Amino acid sequence: MAAEEDLSAGRMGDLVQALELIHNPSSTNELRREALSFVESQKESKSAARNGFALASGADNSPLVRYFGLTLLDHVLRHTSFTVSEQVAVLRDLVLKLAESTRSEDPPYIRNKIPQLWAEVAKRSWGLDWIEMDQTLYRFWEGGLVHKELVLSILETLSEDIFYREDTVSSLRGTDLNRALVEIFTPMSVFEEIYPKRDHHVELRYGSDSWLTRISEFLQYCIENLQNSKQAKDAALKALATLKSVLVWAIPKAIISSNCVPTIARAFTCHDEQVLLVRRPVWFFDSGTTS
């Protein structure tokens, strides 16, 4: 066992050194090619997921090294079928640990990659052997601002992958994932009216509230603090981007009951160009939904 641990530690060192060579401008082309070949070979390693997590979670690793660790996990996930539930469960635990450790000082490209990994896990296990995903999202939402933004990115990514992008896994589980996402974005009273209780229905939502309502309330808070806080502005942009993706397919009654229409309308009063640019394409202002 000790020998295996020593080998693993040595492999980690080799990976870090190779990544540093690739990004070092003084490296020769030959050294860079050798290092790149070694790094790419790690994607096919049986230990790719474990190595990826070790690189991504290493607090002392450089951001580039940590990001490569995330790409290793991404590669493993994208080549893992949702029928291999045990392997997906292991990968899910790794992704949840990385999400938990997200920090505001992490570079945006790291904070943006973790939601993509979460979405890949969700598309393979949500509603199958991961019933409590919505509860986990809510637990993160109750944390600090960085985790609220993480949840917004996860929800936006799921919306884009399930409803818009040509995604193989989403296509295979299309109906189930569509309805699951609609369920958690719709207040329970509205959802039960549109979809009366059915036999063998597994409830995937957490609580009677919905993400439309939570995001709308959060956006309201951000707008009120926009002028005094860059963090509030960044969070408002993220909330608006998520709503922009979701409102195209959300149930109209859910949109009305969540009060998000007047909340977004308040963005008209903002004197911030970025907020106005994100707000402007929101579809229902031009489609007559508010009438």
Protein backbone atom coordinates (compact mmCIF):
# COMPACT_ATOMS: atom_id res chain seq x y z
CA MET A 1 0.00 0.00 0.00
CA ALA A 2 2.83 2.39 0.85
CA ALA A 3 4.40 1.74 -2.55
CA GLU A 4 1.11 2.63 -4.27
CA GLU A 5 0.91 5.87 -2.29
CA ASP A 6 4.52 6.73 -3.20
CA LEU A 7 3.81 6.01 -6.87
CA SER A 8 0.70 8.18 -6.76
CA ALA A 9 2.61 11.04 -5.15
CA GLY A 10 5.34 10.70 -7.77
CA ARG A 11 2.79 10.77 -10.58
CA MET A 12 1.30 13.94 -9.16
CA GLY A 13 4.73 15.54 -9.21
CA ASP A 14 5.29 14.45 -12.82
CA LEU A 15 1.96 15.95 -13.88
CA VAL A 16 2.65 19.25 -12.16
CA GLN A 17 6.12 19.45 -13.71
CA ALA A 18 4.79 18.64 -17.19
CA LEU A 19 2.10 21.33 -16.94
CA GLU A 20 4.66 23.88 -15.82
CA LEU A 21 6.85 22.99 -18.82
CA ILE A 22 3.93 23.42 -21.21
CA HIS A 23 3.14 26.90 -19.95
CA ASN A 24 6.73 28.03 -19.46
CA PRO A 25 7.66 30.34 -22.41
CA SER A 26 11.32 29.34 -22.06
CA SER A 27 10.61 25.63 -22.69
CA THR A 28 11.90 24.24 -25.98
CA ASN A 29 9.40 22.93 -28.53
CA GLU A 30 10.69 19.39 -28.00
CA LEU A 31 10.25 19.57 -24.22
CA ARG A 32 6.80 21.07 -24.64
CA ARG A 33 5.74 18.30 -27.07
CA GLU A 34 6.96 15.59 -24.69
CA ALA A 35 5.21 17.21 -21.76
CA LEU A 36 1.99 17.64 -23.74
CA SER A 37 2.05 14.01 -24.84
CA PHE A 38 2.51 12.88 -21.23
CA VAL A 39 -0.28 15.16 -19.99
CA GLU A 40 -2.73 14.00 -22.67
CA SER A 41 -1.95 10.36 -21.88
CA GLN A 42 -3.23 10.90 -18.35
CA LYS A 43 -6.78 11.25 -19.65
CA GLU A 44 -6.79 7.54 -20.46
CA SER A 45 -5.33 6.49 -17.12
CA LYS A 46 -7.47 4.36 -14.81
CA SER A 47 -6.57 6.88 -12.11
CA ALA A 48 -7.61 9.91 -14.18
CA ALA A 49 -10.52 10.85 -11.91
CA ARG A 50 -8.51 10.44 -8.72
CA ASN A 51 -5.56 12.33 -10.15
CA GLY A 52 -7.84 15.06 -11.48
CA PHE A 53 -9.43 15.58 -8.09
CA ALA A 54 -6.03 15.64 -6.36
CA LEU A 55 -4.77 18.30 -8.78
CA ALA A 56 -7.94 20.39 -8.66
CA SER A 57 -8.30 20.32 -4.88
CA GLY A 58 -4.65 20.96 -4.04
CA ALA A 59 -4.67 24.32 -2.29
CA ASP A 60 -0.97 24.87 -3.06
CA ASN A 61 -1.31 24.03 -6.76
CA SER A 62 -1.28 26.84 -9.29
CA PRO A 63 -4.61 27.75 -10.96
CA LEU A 64 -3.44 26.20 -14.25
CA VAL A 65 -2.63 22.92 -12.52
CA ARG A 66 -5.97 22.95 -10.73
CA TYR A 67 -7.79 23.66 -13.97
CA PHE A 68 -6.10 20.72 -15.68
CA GLY A 69 -7.34 18.57 -12.81
CA LEU A 70 -10.87 19.73 -13.60
CA THR A 71 -10.40 18.86 -17.29
CA LEU A 72 -9.33 15.33 -16.30
CA LEU A 73 -12.56 14.92 -14.34
CA ASP A 74 -14.50 16.38 -17.25
CA HIS A 75 -12.94 13.89 -19.66
CA VAL A 76 -13.83 10.95 -17.41
CA LEU A 77 -17.39 12.20 -16.93
CA ARG A 78 -18.04 12.71 -20.62
CA HIS A 79 -16.90 9.15 -21.31
CA THR A 80 -18.98 7.63 -18.52
CA SER A 81 -22.44 6.27 -19.35
CA PHE A 82 -25.33 7.04 -17.00
CA THR A 83 -25.90 3.29 -16.86
CA VAL A 84 -22.69 2.85 -14.82
CA SER A 85 -24.26 4.19 -11.64
CA GLU A 86 -21.48 3.22 -9.22
CA GLN A 87 -18.81 5.08 -11.18
CA VAL A 88 -21.06 8.13 -11.59
CA ALA A 89 -21.68 8.12 -7.82
CA VAL A 90 -17.93 8.22 -7.13
CA LEU A 91 -17.47 11.09 -9.59
CA ARG A 92 -20.45 12.90 -8.05
CA ASP A 93 -18.83 12.82 -4.61
CA LEU A 94 -15.63 14.32 -6.03
CA VAL A 95 -17.50 17.11 -7.81
CA LEU A 96 -19.54 17.95 -4.70
CA LYS A 97 -16.34 18.26 -2.67
CA LEU A 98 -14.87 20.62 -5.25
CA ALA A 99 -18.08 22.67 -5.28
CA GLU A 100 -18.03 22.88 -1.48
CA SER A 101 -14.48 24.23 -1.51
CA THR A 102 -15.16 26.93 -4.14
CA ARG A 103 -13.68 30.27 -3.08
CA SER A 104 -14.35 33.81 -4.27
CA GLU A 105 -10.63 34.28 -4.95
CA ASP A 106 -10.56 31.36 -7.41
CA PRO A 107 -10.10 32.47 -11.04
CA PRO A 108 -13.38 32.68 -13.02
CA TYR A 109 -12.31 29.85 -15.33
CA ILE A 110 -12.12 27.51 -12.33
CA ARG A 111 -15.39 28.72 -10.81
CA ASN A 112 -17.09 28.31 -14.20
CA LYS A 113 -15.75 24.81 -14.80
CA ILE A 114 -17.17 23.26 -11.63
CA PRO A 115 -20.82 23.95 -12.64
CA GLN A 116 -20.10 22.21 -15.95
CA LEU A 117 -18.88 19.14 -14.08
CA TRP A 118 -21.95 19.26 -11.82
CA ALA A 119 -24.20 19.38 -14.90
CA GLU A 120 -22.44 16.38 -16.44
CA VAL A 121 -23.05 14.42 -13.25
CA ALA A 122 -26.68 15.56 -13.05
CA LYS A 123 -27.43 14.53 -16.62
CA ARG A 124 -26.22 11.03 -15.79
CA SER A 125 -27.76 10.50 -12.36
CA TRP A 126 -30.39 13.11 -11.43
CA GLY A 127 -33.69 11.32 -10.93
CA LEU A 128 -32.06 7.90 -11.15
CA ASP A 129 -29.88 7.39 -8.09
CA TRP A 130 -29.47 11.08 -7.23
CA ILE A 131 -32.91 12.08 -6.02
CA GLU A 132 -31.81 14.77 -3.58
CA MET A 133 -29.92 17.04 -5.99
CA ASP A 134 -32.37 19.92 -5.51
CA GLN A 135 -31.92 19.72 -1.75
CA THR A 136 -28.14 19.83 -2.24
CA LEU A 137 -28.49 22.90 -4.47
CA TYR A 138 -30.60 24.58 -1.79
CA ARG A 139 -27.98 23.81 0.85
CA PHE A 140 -25.34 25.52 -1.28
CA TRP A 141 -27.72 28.42 -1.95
CA GLU A 142 -28.01 29.03 1.78
CA GLY A 143 -24.24 29.55 1.94
CA GLY A 144 -22.28 32.64 0.94
CA LEU A 145 -22.41 34.70 -2.24
CA VAL A 146 -19.82 32.58 -4.04
CA HIS A 147 -22.02 29.49 -3.60
CA LYS A 148 -25.15 31.37 -4.71
CA GLU A 149 -23.32 32.25 -7.93
CA LEU A 150 -22.23 28.61 -8.22
CA VAL A 151 -25.86 27.46 -8.01
CA LEU A 152 -26.92 30.04 -10.60
CA SER A 153 -24.21 28.78 -12.97
CA ILE A 154 -25.28 25.16 -12.41
CA LEU A 155 -28.92 25.95 -13.14
CA GLU A 156 -28.05 27.99 -16.23
CA THR A 157 -25.76 25.22 -17.52
CA LEU A 158 -28.46 22.58 -16.99
CA SER A 159 -31.00 24.76 -18.78
CA GLU A 160 -28.68 25.30 -21.75
CA ASP A 161 -27.63 21.64 -21.99
CA ILE A 162 -31.12 20.16 -21.58
CA PHE A 163 -33.19 22.57 -23.68
CA TYR A 164 -30.86 24.17 -26.21
CA ARG A 165 -27.60 22.37 -26.93
CA GLU A 166 -27.22 19.20 -28.98
CA ASP A 167 -26.16 17.07 -26.05
CA THR A 168 -26.05 13.28 -26.34
CA VAL A 169 -26.75 12.41 -22.69
CA SER A 170 -29.54 15.00 -22.43
CA SER A 171 -31.11 13.59 -25.58
CA LEU A 172 -31.09 10.05 -24.19
CA ARG A 173 -32.82 11.21 -21.01
CA GLY A 174 -34.62 14.14 -22.61
CA THR A 175 -38.16 13.80 -21.23
CA ASP A 176 -37.06 12.96 -17.70
CA LEU A 177 -34.55 15.81 -17.49
CA ASN A 178 -36.94 18.32 -19.07
CA ARG A 179 -39.66 17.57 -16.54
CA ALA A 180 -37.19 17.50 -13.63
CA LEU A 181 -35.91 20.98 -14.47
CA VAL A 182 -39.44 22.32 -14.98
CA GLU A 183 -40.44 20.84 -11.61
CA ILE A 184 -37.76 22.55 -9.55
CA PHE A 185 -38.36 25.91 -11.30
CA THR A 186 -42.12 25.81 -10.66
CA PRO A 187 -43.87 26.45 -7.32
CA MET A 188 -45.46 23.25 -6.06
CA SER A 189 -49.02 24.65 -6.27
CA VAL A 190 -48.56 25.51 -9.96
CA PHE A 191 -46.77 22.27 -10.79
CA GLU A 192 -49.51 20.13 -9.23
CA GLU A 193 -52.13 22.09 -11.15
CA ILE A 194 -50.35 21.56 -14.48
CA TYR A 195 -49.21 18.01 -13.69
CA PRO A 196 -51.74 16.34 -11.36
CA LYS A 197 -50.29 13.73 -9.01
CA ARG A 198 -49.35 10.56 -10.82
CA ASP A 199 -48.61 7.05 -9.65
CA HIS A 200 -44.94 6.22 -9.15
CA HIS A 201 -43.90 9.88 -9.49
CA VAL A 202 -40.62 10.51 -7.68
CA GLU A 203 -40.59 14.04 -6.30
CA LEU A 204 -37.33 15.75 -7.17
CA ARG A 205 -38.03 19.21 -5.79
CA TYR A 206 -36.99 20.39 -2.34
CA GLY A 207 -39.70 22.31 -0.53
CA SER A 208 -42.77 24.00 -2.00
CA ASP A 209 -40.87 27.00 -3.34
CA SER A 210 -39.16 27.21 -6.73
CA TRP A 211 -35.91 28.45 -8.22
CA LEU A 212 -37.79 31.10 -10.17
CA THR A 213 -38.93 32.60 -6.88
CA ARG A 214 -35.55 32.27 -5.16
CA ILE A 215 -33.65 33.81 -8.06
CA SER A 216 -36.19 36.61 -8.37
CA GLU A 217 -35.86 37.47 -4.68
CA PHE A 218 -32.08 37.34 -4.93
CA LEU A 219 -32.09 39.58 -8.01
CA GLN A 220 -34.23 42.08 -6.11
CA TYR A 221 -31.62 42.19 -3.35
CA CYS A 222 -28.80 42.63 -5.88
CA ILE A 223 -30.56 45.49 -7.66
CA GLU A 224 -31.08 47.30 -4.36
CA ASN A 225 -27.34 47.10 -3.65
CA LEU A 226 -26.08 47.52 -7.18
CA GLN A 227 -24.62 50.99 -6.85
CA ASN A 228 -22.63 50.23 -3.71
CA SER A 229 -21.23 46.77 -4.40
CA LYS A 230 -19.37 45.24 -7.34
CA GLN A 231 -20.23 41.82 -5.92
CA ALA A 232 -23.93 42.68 -6.08
CA LYS A 233 -23.50 43.78 -9.70
CA ASP A 234 -21.70 40.56 -10.66
CA ALA A 235 -24.37 38.49 -8.91
CA ALA A 236 -27.15 40.45 -10.64
CA LEU A 237 -25.56 39.72 -14.01
CA LYS A 238 -25.41 36.02 -13.16
CA ALA A 239 -29.05 35.97 -11.99
CA LEU A 240 -30.24 37.77 -15.12
CA ALA A 241 -28.29 35.39 -17.36
CA THR A 242 -29.90 32.40 -15.63
CA LEU A 243 -33.39 33.88 -15.95
CA LYS A 244 -32.73 34.69 -19.60
CA SER A 245 -32.08 31.00 -20.27
CA VAL A 246 -34.96 29.69 -18.14
CA LEU A 247 -37.85 32.00 -19.02
CA VAL A 248 -38.09 30.67 -22.58
CA TRP A 249 -39.32 27.27 -21.39
CA ALA A 250 -40.72 28.04 -17.92
CA ILE A 251 -44.46 27.63 -17.29
CA PRO A 252 -46.16 31.06 -17.69
CA LYS A 253 -48.10 30.67 -14.43
CA ALA A 254 -44.82 29.98 -12.64
CA ILE A 255 -43.33 33.16 -14.11
CA ILE A 256 -46.27 35.20 -12.86
CA SER A 257 -46.39 33.65 -9.39
CA SER A 258 -42.64 34.08 -8.86
CA ASN A 259 -42.93 37.86 -9.30
CA CYS A 260 -39.87 37.85 -11.56
CA VAL A 261 -41.49 40.09 -14.22
CA PRO A 262 -41.64 43.23 -12.02
CA THR A 263 -38.24 42.36 -10.55
CA ILE A 264 -36.61 42.27 -13.96
CA ALA A 265 -38.53 45.42 -14.89
CA ARG A 266 -36.68 47.16 -12.08
CA ALA A 267 -33.51 46.57 -14.08
CA PHE A 268 -34.84 49.24 -16.45
CA THR A 269 -34.06 51.76 -13.74
CA CYS A 270 -30.43 50.68 -13.43
CA HIS A 271 -27.82 52.99 -14.89
CA ASP A 272 -25.31 50.22 -15.48
CA GLU A 273 -24.60 49.30 -19.11
CA GLN A 274 -23.71 45.66 -18.40
CA VAL A 275 -26.90 45.04 -16.45
CA LEU A 276 -28.99 46.72 -19.17
CA LEU A 277 -27.34 44.65 -21.90
CA VAL A 278 -28.09 41.37 -20.09
CA ARG A 279 -31.60 42.48 -19.21
CA ARG A 280 -32.54 43.67 -22.70
CA PRO A 281 -32.85 40.27 -24.46
CA VAL A 282 -35.18 38.78 -21.81
CA TRP A 283 -37.88 37.53 -24.11
CA PHE A 284 -41.18 38.24 -22.44
CA PHE A 285 -40.86 42.01 -22.39
CA ASP A 286 -41.25 41.93 -26.16
CA SER A 287 -43.67 38.99 -26.34
CA GLY A 288 -46.57 40.47 -24.40
CA THR A 289 -46.32 38.13 -21.44
CA THR A 290 -46.86 40.99 -19.01
CA SER A 291 -50.10 42.06 -20.61
